[in-house]
Amino acid sequence: MDTHSTYVAWAKTLLPLAALVLLSTMFLFARSPRVSDADIPFADLEALAREQQVSAPAFSGVADDGSIIEIEADSARPEGEGTEAMSVSRIRGTVTSPGGPLLELRAGEGYIDTDAGTARLSGLARIETSNGYEVETSALTADLESGRIETDGPLEAHAPFGELTAGRLTVETSEEGGQSMVFQEGVRLLYRPPTQEGAPE
């Protein structure tokens, strides 16, 4: 096969994949004041063409409530032709809300659907907040348009005032403008009062 034919063959394989990545970022960047390109290394073209996989994808955008959402992963793989959904591995992200604490999200795997505007984290999903909450659950879903985060089911949480278990957690911006964490369905709390400095434990 001559050089021109080889180039054409690579282009037919790589261009649809590149288009998928660009379309996926367009959705999340639509309302963002600053647009940056997704980081797509092309060091191993053969592996990229064979596996249809993107290494170290990064997405960011601004939700309707003003939250800045940034998501990264080790790799992303398109779910199929005609869709903007992709499976990702070792997903992690941050949610910076106006008037609220910083949220850090991470999980072993995930699923990003830019058509639906959602990101799903599974494989032991974790939420950590800058005001001292640590939450573990089997899976959670983040609405990239509204900024709402909801666990799929039961969770365990370490809070500044003790240990919590609940059937579900919802994180969203309240009507007053601040961020709220609402624990629901069979909430149990083991209260641990904060230790005062100089007081005996």
N, C-alpha and C. Protein backbone atom coordinates (compact mmCIF):
# COMPACT_ATOMS: atom_id res chain seq x y z
N MET A 1 0.85 -1.20 0.00
CA MET A 1 0.00 0.00 0.00
C MET A 1 0.88 1.24 0.00
N ASP A 2 0.64 2.23 -0.94
CA ASP A 2 1.48 3.41 -1.02
C ASP A 2 1.15 4.37 0.12
N THR A 3 1.97 5.42 0.22
CA THR A 3 1.83 6.37 1.34
C THR A 3 0.48 7.06 1.33
N HIS A 4 0.00 7.45 0.16
CA HIS A 4 -1.30 8.13 0.07
C HIS A 4 -2.43 7.22 0.55
N SER A 5 -2.41 5.97 0.11
CA SER A 5 -3.46 5.03 0.52
C SER A 5 -3.42 4.79 2.02
N THR A 6 -2.21 4.70 2.57
CA THR A 6 -2.09 4.50 4.01
C THR A 6 -2.67 5.68 4.77
N TYR A 7 -2.37 6.89 4.30
CA TYR A 7 -2.90 8.10 4.95
C TYR A 7 -4.42 8.12 4.91
N VAL A 8 -4.99 7.78 3.77
CA VAL A 8 -6.45 7.77 3.62
C VAL A 8 -7.07 6.75 4.56
N ALA A 9 -6.45 5.59 4.68
CA ALA A 9 -6.98 4.55 5.56
C ALA A 9 -6.98 5.01 7.01
N TRP A 10 -5.88 5.64 7.45
CA TRP A 10 -5.82 6.16 8.82
C TRP A 10 -6.86 7.25 9.03
N ALA A 11 -7.00 8.13 8.05
CA ALA A 11 -7.95 9.23 8.18
C ALA A 11 -9.38 8.72 8.34
N LYS A 12 -9.74 7.68 7.58
CA LYS A 12 -11.09 7.13 7.68
C LYS A 12 -11.36 6.57 9.07
N THR A 13 -10.32 6.09 9.73
CA THR A 13 -10.49 5.50 11.05
C THR A 13 -10.46 6.55 12.15
N LEU A 14 -9.53 7.50 12.03
CA LEU A 14 -9.30 8.45 13.12
C LEU A 14 -10.25 9.63 13.13
N LEU A 15 -10.65 10.10 11.95
CA LEU A 15 -11.49 11.30 11.90
C LEU A 15 -12.84 11.12 12.59
N PRO A 16 -13.56 9.98 12.41
CA PRO A 16 -14.82 9.82 13.16
C PRO A 16 -14.62 9.85 14.66
N LEU A 17 -13.51 9.26 15.15
CA LEU A 17 -13.25 9.28 16.58
C LEU A 17 -12.97 10.69 17.06
N ALA A 18 -12.17 11.44 16.29
CA ALA A 18 -11.89 12.82 16.67
C ALA A 18 -13.17 13.65 16.67
N ALA A 19 -14.05 13.39 15.71
CA ALA A 19 -15.32 14.12 15.65
C ALA A 19 -16.17 13.85 16.87
N LEU A 20 -16.17 12.59 17.35
CA LEU A 20 -16.93 12.25 18.54
C LEU A 20 -16.44 13.05 19.74
N VAL A 21 -15.13 13.13 19.90
CA VAL A 21 -14.57 13.87 21.02
C VAL A 21 -14.91 15.34 20.93
N LEU A 22 -14.79 15.92 19.74
CA LEU A 22 -15.10 17.35 19.57
C LEU A 22 -16.57 17.64 19.84
N LEU A 23 -17.46 16.76 19.38
CA LEU A 23 -18.89 16.96 19.63
C LEU A 23 -19.20 16.87 21.11
N SER A 24 -18.54 15.94 21.80
CA SER A 24 -18.81 15.78 23.23
C SER A 24 -18.38 17.00 24.01
N THR A 25 -17.29 17.64 23.60
CA THR A 25 -16.85 18.84 24.32
C THR A 25 -17.72 20.04 24.00
N MET A 26 -18.28 20.09 22.78
CA MET A 26 -19.12 21.23 22.41
C MET A 26 -20.31 21.37 23.35
N PHE A 27 -20.89 20.24 23.77
CA PHE A 27 -22.06 20.29 24.65
C PHE A 27 -21.69 20.91 25.99
N LEU A 28 -20.58 20.46 26.57
CA LEU A 28 -20.22 20.92 27.89
C LEU A 28 -19.64 22.32 27.88
N PHE A 29 -19.07 22.74 26.75
CA PHE A 29 -18.47 24.06 26.68
C PHE A 29 -19.46 25.12 26.22
N ALA A 30 -20.70 24.74 25.90
CA ALA A 30 -21.64 25.66 25.27
C ALA A 30 -21.86 26.92 26.10
N ARG A 31 -21.94 26.76 27.44
CA ARG A 31 -22.19 27.92 28.28
C ARG A 31 -20.95 28.38 29.03
N SER A 32 -19.81 27.78 28.74
CA SER A 32 -18.60 28.13 29.46
C SER A 32 -17.99 29.40 28.90
N PRO A 33 -17.52 30.31 29.76
CA PRO A 33 -16.92 31.54 29.25
C PRO A 33 -15.57 31.32 28.59
N ARG A 34 -14.93 30.19 28.89
CA ARG A 34 -13.62 29.92 28.32
C ARG A 34 -13.61 28.51 27.77
N VAL A 35 -13.18 28.34 26.55
CA VAL A 35 -13.17 27.04 25.90
C VAL A 35 -11.73 26.60 25.70
N SER A 36 -11.43 25.38 26.15
CA SER A 36 -10.11 24.79 25.90
C SER A 36 -10.30 23.43 25.27
N ASP A 37 -9.38 23.06 24.41
CA ASP A 37 -9.51 21.80 23.70
C ASP A 37 -9.28 20.63 24.63
N ALA A 38 -9.97 19.52 24.36
CA ALA A 38 -9.72 18.29 25.09
C ALA A 38 -8.31 17.81 24.79
N ASP A 39 -7.67 17.26 25.79
CA ASP A 39 -6.30 16.77 25.63
C ASP A 39 -6.35 15.37 25.04
N ILE A 40 -5.95 15.24 23.78
CA ILE A 40 -6.05 13.96 23.09
C ILE A 40 -4.68 13.57 22.54
N PRO A 41 -3.89 12.80 23.29
CA PRO A 41 -2.60 12.39 22.76
C PRO A 41 -2.76 11.36 21.65
N PHE A 42 -1.98 11.50 20.60
CA PHE A 42 -2.04 10.58 19.47
C PHE A 42 -0.72 9.83 19.30
N ALA A 43 -0.07 9.51 20.42
CA ALA A 43 1.25 8.88 20.35
C ALA A 43 1.16 7.49 19.74
N ASP A 44 0.10 6.75 20.07
CA ASP A 44 -0.01 5.39 19.57
C ASP A 44 -1.20 5.31 18.63
N LEU A 45 -0.99 5.60 17.36
CA LEU A 45 -2.09 5.64 16.39
C LEU A 45 -2.69 4.27 16.15
N GLU A 46 -1.87 3.23 16.16
CA GLU A 46 -2.39 1.90 15.91
C GLU A 46 -3.36 1.47 17.00
N ALA A 47 -2.98 1.72 18.28
CA ALA A 47 -3.86 1.35 19.39
C ALA A 47 -5.14 2.18 19.36
N LEU A 48 -5.02 3.47 19.03
CA LEU A 48 -6.19 4.34 18.96
C LEU A 48 -7.17 3.86 17.91
N ALA A 49 -6.65 3.49 16.74
CA ALA A 49 -7.52 3.03 15.67
C ALA A 49 -8.14 1.68 15.99
N ARG A 50 -7.36 0.81 16.61
CA ARG A 50 -7.85 -0.54 16.90
C ARG A 50 -8.89 -0.54 18.02
N GLU A 51 -8.62 0.19 19.10
CA GLU A 51 -9.46 0.13 20.28
C GLU A 51 -10.51 1.24 20.34
N GLN A 52 -10.42 2.22 19.42
CA GLN A 52 -11.35 3.35 19.45
C GLN A 52 -11.40 3.96 20.85
N GLN A 53 -10.23 4.29 21.39
CA GLN A 53 -10.12 4.76 22.76
C GLN A 53 -9.32 6.05 22.81
N VAL A 54 -9.75 6.98 23.65
CA VAL A 54 -9.06 8.24 23.85
C VAL A 54 -8.43 8.24 25.23
N SER A 55 -7.16 8.60 25.33
CA SER A 55 -6.48 8.64 26.61
C SER A 55 -6.61 10.02 27.25
N ALA A 56 -6.77 10.02 28.57
CA ALA A 56 -6.81 11.25 29.38
C ALA A 56 -7.78 12.31 28.85
N PRO A 57 -9.06 11.96 28.62
CA PRO A 57 -10.03 12.97 28.19
C PRO A 57 -10.34 13.94 29.34
N ALA A 58 -10.68 15.17 28.99
CA ALA A 58 -11.03 16.18 30.00
C ALA A 58 -12.20 17.00 29.48
N PHE A 59 -13.18 17.24 30.35
CA PHE A 59 -14.38 18.00 29.99
C PHE A 59 -14.63 19.05 31.06
N SER A 60 -15.20 20.18 30.68
CA SER A 60 -15.58 21.18 31.67
C SER A 60 -16.73 22.01 31.12
N GLY A 61 -17.49 22.60 32.04
CA GLY A 61 -18.62 23.42 31.63
C GLY A 61 -19.25 24.10 32.83
N VAL A 62 -20.24 24.93 32.57
CA VAL A 62 -20.95 25.67 33.62
C VAL A 62 -22.40 25.23 33.63
N ALA A 63 -22.89 24.76 34.78
CA ALA A 63 -24.27 24.32 34.91
C ALA A 63 -25.21 25.51 35.05
N ASP A 64 -26.51 25.24 34.97
CA ASP A 64 -27.51 26.30 35.06
C ASP A 64 -27.46 27.04 36.40
N ASP A 65 -27.04 26.34 37.47
CA ASP A 65 -26.98 26.98 38.78
C ASP A 65 -25.69 27.75 39.01
N GLY A 66 -24.84 27.82 37.97
CA GLY A 66 -23.58 28.55 38.09
C GLY A 66 -22.41 27.70 38.52
N SER A 67 -22.65 26.43 38.82
CA SER A 67 -21.56 25.54 39.23
C SER A 67 -20.61 25.27 38.07
N ILE A 68 -19.33 25.27 38.36
CA ILE A 68 -18.32 24.91 37.37
C ILE A 68 -17.99 23.44 37.55
N ILE A 69 -18.22 22.66 36.51
CA ILE A 69 -18.02 21.21 36.57
C ILE A 69 -16.84 20.84 35.69
N GLU A 70 -15.88 20.14 36.27
CA GLU A 70 -14.71 19.67 35.54
C GLU A 70 -14.57 18.17 35.74
N ILE A 71 -14.42 17.43 34.66
CA ILE A 71 -14.34 15.97 34.71
C ILE A 71 -13.13 15.50 33.93
N GLU A 72 -12.40 14.55 34.51
CA GLU A 72 -11.27 13.92 33.85
C GLU A 72 -11.40 12.41 34.01
N ALA A 73 -10.67 11.67 33.18
CA ALA A 73 -10.65 10.22 33.27
C ALA A 73 -9.34 9.71 32.68
N ASP A 74 -9.01 8.47 32.99
CA ASP A 74 -7.81 7.88 32.40
C ASP A 74 -8.00 7.59 30.93
N SER A 75 -9.21 7.13 30.57
CA SER A 75 -9.48 6.81 29.17
C SER A 75 -10.97 6.88 28.91
N ALA A 76 -11.35 7.01 27.64
CA ALA A 76 -12.75 7.04 27.23
C ALA A 76 -12.92 6.22 25.97
N ARG A 77 -14.05 5.52 25.90
CA ARG A 77 -14.33 4.68 24.74
C ARG A 77 -15.76 4.96 24.28
N PRO A 78 -15.98 5.30 23.01
CA PRO A 78 -17.34 5.57 22.53
C PRO A 78 -18.22 4.34 22.63
N GLU A 79 -19.50 4.56 22.94
CA GLU A 79 -20.44 3.45 23.11
C GLU A 79 -20.94 2.88 21.80
N GLY A 80 -20.86 3.62 20.73
CA GLY A 80 -21.33 3.13 19.44
C GLY A 80 -21.56 4.27 18.48
N GLU A 81 -21.85 3.92 17.24
CA GLU A 81 -22.07 4.93 16.22
C GLU A 81 -23.40 5.65 16.46
N GLY A 82 -23.45 6.92 16.11
CA GLY A 82 -24.68 7.69 16.22
C GLY A 82 -25.02 8.13 17.63
N THR A 83 -24.06 8.04 18.56
CA THR A 83 -24.31 8.47 19.93
C THR A 83 -23.11 9.26 20.44
N GLU A 84 -23.36 10.17 21.37
CA GLU A 84 -22.29 10.94 21.98
C GLU A 84 -21.97 10.41 23.37
N ALA A 85 -22.40 9.20 23.68
CA ALA A 85 -22.12 8.60 24.98
C ALA A 85 -20.79 7.86 24.94
N MET A 86 -20.11 7.83 26.08
CA MET A 86 -18.83 7.14 26.15
C MET A 86 -18.63 6.56 27.54
N SER A 87 -17.96 5.41 27.59
CA SER A 87 -17.57 4.80 28.85
C SER A 87 -16.18 5.31 29.21
N VAL A 88 -15.96 5.58 30.49
CA VAL A 88 -14.67 6.10 30.93
C VAL A 88 -14.16 5.28 32.11
N SER A 89 -12.85 5.26 32.28
CA SER A 89 -12.23 4.54 33.38
C SER A 89 -11.57 5.51 34.34
N ARG A 90 -11.64 5.18 35.63
CA ARG A 90 -11.03 5.99 36.69
C ARG A 90 -11.43 7.46 36.52
N ILE A 91 -12.72 7.69 36.64
CA ILE A 91 -13.27 9.04 36.46
C ILE A 91 -13.12 9.84 37.74
N ARG A 92 -12.88 11.13 37.60
CA ARG A 92 -12.76 12.03 38.73
C ARG A 92 -13.21 13.43 38.29
N GLY A 93 -13.70 14.19 39.23
CA GLY A 93 -14.19 15.50 38.85
C GLY A 93 -14.32 16.42 40.04
N THR A 94 -14.54 17.69 39.75
CA THR A 94 -14.77 18.69 40.79
C THR A 94 -16.00 19.51 40.42
N VAL A 95 -16.74 19.92 41.44
CA VAL A 95 -17.89 20.80 41.26
C VAL A 95 -17.68 22.00 42.17
N THR A 96 -17.52 23.16 41.57
CA THR A 96 -17.32 24.40 42.32
C THR A 96 -18.59 25.22 42.22
N SER A 97 -19.31 25.32 43.34
CA SER A 97 -20.60 26.01 43.34
C SER A 97 -20.48 27.39 43.96
N PRO A 98 -21.20 28.37 43.42
CA PRO A 98 -21.19 29.70 44.03
C PRO A 98 -21.84 29.65 45.41
N GLY A 99 -21.13 30.09 46.42
CA GLY A 99 -21.68 30.10 47.76
C GLY A 99 -21.70 28.75 48.43
N GLY A 100 -21.02 27.75 47.87
CA GLY A 100 -21.03 26.42 48.45
C GLY A 100 -19.64 25.83 48.52
N PRO A 101 -19.49 24.69 49.20
CA PRO A 101 -18.18 24.06 49.31
C PRO A 101 -17.75 23.42 48.00
N LEU A 102 -16.47 23.17 47.88
CA LEU A 102 -15.94 22.45 46.73
C LEU A 102 -16.23 20.96 46.88
N LEU A 103 -16.74 20.34 45.81
CA LEU A 103 -17.00 18.90 45.81
C LEU A 103 -15.99 18.20 44.91
N GLU A 104 -15.42 17.12 45.41
CA GLU A 104 -14.53 16.28 44.61
C GLU A 104 -15.18 14.92 44.44
N LEU A 105 -15.28 14.45 43.20
CA LEU A 105 -15.92 13.18 42.88
C LEU A 105 -14.88 12.25 42.27
N ARG A 106 -15.00 10.96 42.56
CA ARG A 106 -14.14 9.98 41.90
C ARG A 106 -14.77 8.60 41.98
N ALA A 107 -14.43 7.77 41.01
CA ALA A 107 -14.95 6.40 40.96
C ALA A 107 -14.08 5.57 40.03
N GLY A 108 -14.24 4.26 40.12
CA GLY A 108 -13.43 3.37 39.29
C GLY A 108 -13.80 3.42 37.82
N GLU A 109 -15.06 3.70 37.54
CA GLU A 109 -15.51 3.76 36.16
C GLU A 109 -16.68 4.73 36.04
N GLY A 110 -17.06 5.02 34.82
CA GLY A 110 -18.16 5.95 34.63
C GLY A 110 -18.71 5.90 33.22
N TYR A 111 -19.72 6.73 33.01
CA TYR A 111 -20.42 6.79 31.73
C TYR A 111 -20.87 8.22 31.53
N ILE A 112 -20.43 8.84 30.46
CA ILE A 112 -20.80 10.22 30.17
C ILE A 112 -21.68 10.25 28.93
N ASP A 113 -22.86 10.81 29.07
CA ASP A 113 -23.81 10.92 27.96
C ASP A 113 -24.06 12.40 27.72
N THR A 114 -23.42 12.96 26.71
CA THR A 114 -23.59 14.39 26.45
C THR A 114 -24.93 14.70 25.81
N ASP A 115 -25.58 13.71 25.18
CA ASP A 115 -26.93 13.92 24.66
C ASP A 115 -27.90 14.19 25.82
N ALA A 116 -27.78 13.36 26.88
CA ALA A 116 -28.66 13.50 28.04
C ALA A 116 -28.13 14.53 29.03
N GLY A 117 -26.86 14.92 28.90
CA GLY A 117 -26.28 15.88 29.82
C GLY A 117 -26.04 15.30 31.20
N THR A 118 -25.59 14.03 31.26
CA THR A 118 -25.37 13.38 32.54
C THR A 118 -24.01 12.68 32.57
N ALA A 119 -23.50 12.54 33.78
CA ALA A 119 -22.30 11.74 34.02
C ALA A 119 -22.61 10.77 35.15
N ARG A 120 -22.37 9.49 34.92
CA ARG A 120 -22.65 8.47 35.92
C ARG A 120 -21.33 7.90 36.43
N LEU A 121 -21.16 7.87 37.74
CA LEU A 121 -19.97 7.31 38.36
C LEU A 121 -20.35 6.03 39.09
N SER A 122 -19.60 4.97 38.87
CA SER A 122 -19.90 3.69 39.50
C SER A 122 -18.60 2.99 39.87
N GLY A 123 -18.74 1.80 40.47
CA GLY A 123 -17.55 1.10 40.92
C GLY A 123 -16.97 1.73 42.17
N LEU A 124 -17.81 1.92 43.20
CA LEU A 124 -17.48 2.60 44.45
C LEU A 124 -17.20 4.08 44.19
N ALA A 125 -18.26 4.86 44.17
CA ALA A 125 -18.17 6.30 43.94
C ALA A 125 -17.96 7.03 45.26
N ARG A 126 -17.14 8.06 45.23
CA ARG A 126 -16.84 8.83 46.43
C ARG A 126 -17.09 10.32 46.19
N ILE A 127 -17.59 10.97 47.24
CA ILE A 127 -17.75 12.43 47.25
C ILE A 127 -17.00 12.96 48.46
N GLU A 128 -16.16 13.94 48.26
CA GLU A 128 -15.48 14.63 49.36
C GLU A 128 -15.74 16.12 49.22
N THR A 129 -16.08 16.77 50.32
CA THR A 129 -16.37 18.20 50.27
C THR A 129 -15.34 18.98 51.08
N SER A 130 -15.18 20.24 50.73
CA SER A 130 -14.20 21.07 51.42
C SER A 130 -14.61 21.43 52.84
N ASN A 131 -15.88 21.17 53.21
CA ASN A 131 -16.32 21.44 54.58
C ASN A 131 -16.41 20.18 55.43
N GLY A 132 -15.74 19.10 54.99
CA GLY A 132 -15.53 17.97 55.89
C GLY A 132 -16.40 16.75 55.71
N TYR A 133 -17.15 16.62 54.62
CA TYR A 133 -17.96 15.43 54.38
C TYR A 133 -17.22 14.46 53.46
N GLU A 134 -17.30 13.17 53.78
CA GLU A 134 -16.76 12.12 52.92
C GLU A 134 -17.86 11.07 52.75
N VAL A 135 -18.26 10.83 51.52
CA VAL A 135 -19.38 9.94 51.22
C VAL A 135 -18.92 8.82 50.31
N GLU A 136 -19.36 7.59 50.60
CA GLU A 136 -19.10 6.44 49.74
C GLU A 136 -20.42 5.79 49.37
N THR A 137 -20.59 5.45 48.10
CA THR A 137 -21.80 4.79 47.62
C THR A 137 -21.45 3.96 46.40
N SER A 138 -22.36 3.09 45.99
CA SER A 138 -22.07 2.21 44.86
C SER A 138 -22.05 2.96 43.54
N ALA A 139 -22.90 3.98 43.39
CA ALA A 139 -22.96 4.74 42.14
C ALA A 139 -23.71 6.04 42.37
N LEU A 140 -23.43 7.02 41.52
CA LEU A 140 -24.14 8.30 41.58
C LEU A 140 -24.25 8.87 40.17
N THR A 141 -25.19 9.80 40.02
CA THR A 141 -25.40 10.46 38.73
C THR A 141 -25.33 11.96 38.92
N ALA A 142 -24.56 12.62 38.06
CA ALA A 142 -24.46 14.08 38.08
C ALA A 142 -25.15 14.64 36.84
N ASP A 143 -26.06 15.57 37.05
CA ASP A 143 -26.73 16.26 35.95
C ASP A 143 -25.85 17.44 35.55
N LEU A 144 -25.27 17.37 34.38
CA LEU A 144 -24.32 18.39 33.94
C LEU A 144 -25.00 19.70 33.57
N GLU A 145 -26.32 19.69 33.38
CA GLU A 145 -27.04 20.92 33.05
C GLU A 145 -27.49 21.66 34.30
N SER A 146 -28.04 20.93 35.28
CA SER A 146 -28.56 21.58 36.48
C SER A 146 -27.55 21.65 37.61
N GLY A 147 -26.53 20.78 37.59
CA GLY A 147 -25.56 20.72 38.67
C GLY A 147 -25.99 19.81 39.80
N ARG A 148 -27.12 19.13 39.67
CA ARG A 148 -27.64 18.24 40.71
C ARG A 148 -26.89 16.91 40.71
N ILE A 149 -26.59 16.40 41.91
CA ILE A 149 -25.92 15.12 42.08
C ILE A 149 -26.79 14.24 42.97
N GLU A 150 -26.99 12.99 42.58
CA GLU A 150 -27.83 12.08 43.36
C GLU A 150 -27.24 10.69 43.36
N THR A 151 -27.19 10.06 44.53
CA THR A 151 -26.71 8.69 44.62
C THR A 151 -27.80 7.74 44.15
N ASP A 152 -27.37 6.58 43.64
CA ASP A 152 -28.34 5.59 43.17
C ASP A 152 -29.01 4.85 44.31
N GLY A 153 -28.32 4.75 45.44
CA GLY A 153 -28.85 3.96 46.55
C GLY A 153 -28.16 4.29 47.86
N PRO A 154 -28.06 3.30 48.76
CA PRO A 154 -27.52 3.53 50.10
C PRO A 154 -26.10 4.08 50.08
N LEU A 155 -25.77 4.76 51.16
CA LEU A 155 -24.46 5.39 51.27
C LEU A 155 -24.00 5.41 52.72
N GLU A 156 -22.71 5.57 52.89
CA GLU A 156 -22.11 5.80 54.19
C GLU A 156 -21.35 7.12 54.12
N ALA A 157 -21.43 7.90 55.20
CA ALA A 157 -20.80 9.22 55.18
C ALA A 157 -20.12 9.51 56.50
N HIS A 158 -18.98 10.15 56.41
CA HIS A 158 -18.29 10.70 57.57
C HIS A 158 -18.50 12.21 57.53
N ALA A 159 -19.12 12.74 58.57
CA ALA A 159 -19.43 14.17 58.63
C ALA A 159 -18.64 14.81 59.77
N PRO A 160 -18.54 16.13 59.80
CA PRO A 160 -17.83 16.79 60.90
C PRO A 160 -18.41 16.49 62.27
N PHE A 161 -19.69 16.08 62.32
CA PHE A 161 -20.36 15.84 63.60
C PHE A 161 -20.62 14.37 63.87
N GLY A 162 -20.13 13.45 63.01
CA GLY A 162 -20.35 12.04 63.27
C GLY A 162 -20.41 11.20 62.01
N GLU A 163 -20.98 9.99 62.16
CA GLU A 163 -21.08 9.05 61.05
C GLU A 163 -22.54 8.92 60.62
N LEU A 164 -22.77 8.88 59.31
CA LEU A 164 -24.12 8.84 58.75
C LEU A 164 -24.28 7.64 57.83
N THR A 165 -25.47 7.05 57.84
CA THR A 165 -25.89 6.13 56.79
C THR A 165 -27.26 6.58 56.32
N ALA A 166 -27.54 6.40 55.04
CA ALA A 166 -28.83 6.82 54.48
C ALA A 166 -29.11 6.03 53.22
N GLY A 167 -30.36 6.07 52.79
CA GLY A 167 -30.74 5.37 51.57
C GLY A 167 -30.44 6.14 50.31
N ARG A 168 -30.29 7.47 50.45
CA ARG A 168 -30.06 8.30 49.26
C ARG A 168 -29.54 9.67 49.68
N LEU A 169 -28.74 10.27 48.81
CA LEU A 169 -28.23 11.62 49.04
C LEU A 169 -28.45 12.44 47.78
N THR A 170 -28.92 13.68 47.97
CA THR A 170 -29.06 14.62 46.86
C THR A 170 -28.28 15.88 47.19
N VAL A 171 -27.48 16.33 46.23
CA VAL A 171 -26.72 17.57 46.38
C VAL A 171 -27.18 18.52 45.28
N GLU A 172 -27.66 19.69 45.66
CA GLU A 172 -28.12 20.66 44.67
C GLU A 172 -28.10 22.06 45.26
N THR A 173 -28.27 23.04 44.40
CA THR A 173 -28.31 24.43 44.84
C THR A 173 -29.72 24.76 45.33
N SER A 174 -29.81 25.30 46.53
CA SER A 174 -31.11 25.62 47.11
C SER A 174 -31.68 26.89 46.50
N GLU A 175 -32.95 27.18 46.82
CA GLU A 175 -33.60 28.39 46.31
C GLU A 175 -32.92 29.65 46.84
N GLU A 176 -32.29 29.53 48.02
CA GLU A 176 -31.61 30.69 48.59
C GLU A 176 -30.25 30.94 47.94
N GLY A 177 -29.81 30.00 47.11
CA GLY A 177 -28.55 30.19 46.40
C GLY A 177 -27.39 29.38 46.93
N GLY A 178 -27.50 28.83 48.14
CA GLY A 178 -26.43 28.02 48.70
C GLY A 178 -26.59 26.56 48.30
N GLN A 179 -25.53 25.81 48.48
CA GLN A 179 -25.57 24.39 48.14
C GLN A 179 -26.10 23.58 49.32
N SER A 180 -26.95 22.60 49.04
CA SER A 180 -27.53 21.78 50.10
C SER A 180 -27.22 20.31 49.86
N MET A 181 -26.97 19.59 50.96
CA MET A 181 -26.81 18.13 50.93
C MET A 181 -27.97 17.54 51.72
N VAL A 182 -28.83 16.79 51.06
CA VAL A 182 -30.03 16.26 51.70
C VAL A 182 -29.92 14.74 51.78
N PHE A 183 -29.82 14.21 53.01
CA PHE A 183 -29.80 12.77 53.25
C PHE A 183 -31.24 12.31 53.47
N GLN A 184 -31.64 11.22 52.80
CA GLN A 184 -33.02 10.75 52.86
C GLN A 184 -33.07 9.23 53.03
N GLU A 185 -34.26 8.75 53.38
CA GLU A 185 -34.59 7.33 53.41
C GLU A 185 -33.78 6.56 54.46
N GLY A 186 -34.33 6.52 55.66
CA GLY A 186 -33.72 5.72 56.73
C GLY A 186 -32.40 6.27 57.22
N VAL A 187 -32.36 7.57 57.47
CA VAL A 187 -31.11 8.21 57.90
C VAL A 187 -30.78 7.79 59.33
N ARG A 188 -29.55 7.36 59.55
CA ARG A 188 -29.06 7.02 60.88
C ARG A 188 -27.79 7.83 61.15
N LEU A 189 -27.72 8.39 62.34
CA LEU A 189 -26.58 9.23 62.71
C LEU A 189 -25.97 8.75 64.01
N LEU A 190 -24.66 8.54 63.99
CA LEU A 190 -23.90 8.31 65.21
C LEU A 190 -23.17 9.61 65.51
N TYR A 191 -23.72 10.36 66.47
CA TYR A 191 -23.20 11.70 66.74
C TYR A 191 -21.89 11.63 67.51
N ARG A 192 -20.92 12.38 67.04
CA ARG A 192 -19.63 12.51 67.72
C ARG A 192 -19.35 14.00 67.89
N PRO A 193 -19.54 14.52 69.10
CA PRO A 193 -19.32 15.96 69.30
C PRO A 193 -17.86 16.31 69.04
N PRO A 194 -17.63 17.47 68.45
CA PRO A 194 -16.24 17.88 68.18
C PRO A 194 -15.47 18.06 69.47
N THR A 195 -14.22 17.66 69.45
CA THR A 195 -13.36 17.77 70.62
C THR A 195 -12.82 19.19 70.73
N GLN A 196 -13.02 19.81 71.89
CA GLN A 196 -12.53 21.16 72.09
C GLN A 196 -11.04 21.13 72.43
N GLU A 197 -10.34 22.14 71.98
CA GLU A 197 -8.92 22.22 72.26
C GLU A 197 -8.69 22.35 73.76
N GLY A 198 -7.79 21.52 74.28
CA GLY A 198 -7.46 21.56 75.70
C GLY A 198 -8.37 20.71 76.55
N ALA A 199 -9.48 20.17 75.98
CA ALA A 199 -10.40 19.34 76.76
C ALA A 199 -9.91 17.91 76.73
N PRO A 200 -10.08 17.14 77.82
CA PRO A 200 -9.66 15.74 77.83
C PRO A 200 -10.53 14.92 76.90
N GLU A 201 -9.94 13.94 76.19
CA GLU A 201 -10.70 13.12 75.25
C GLU A 201 -11.38 11.97 75.99
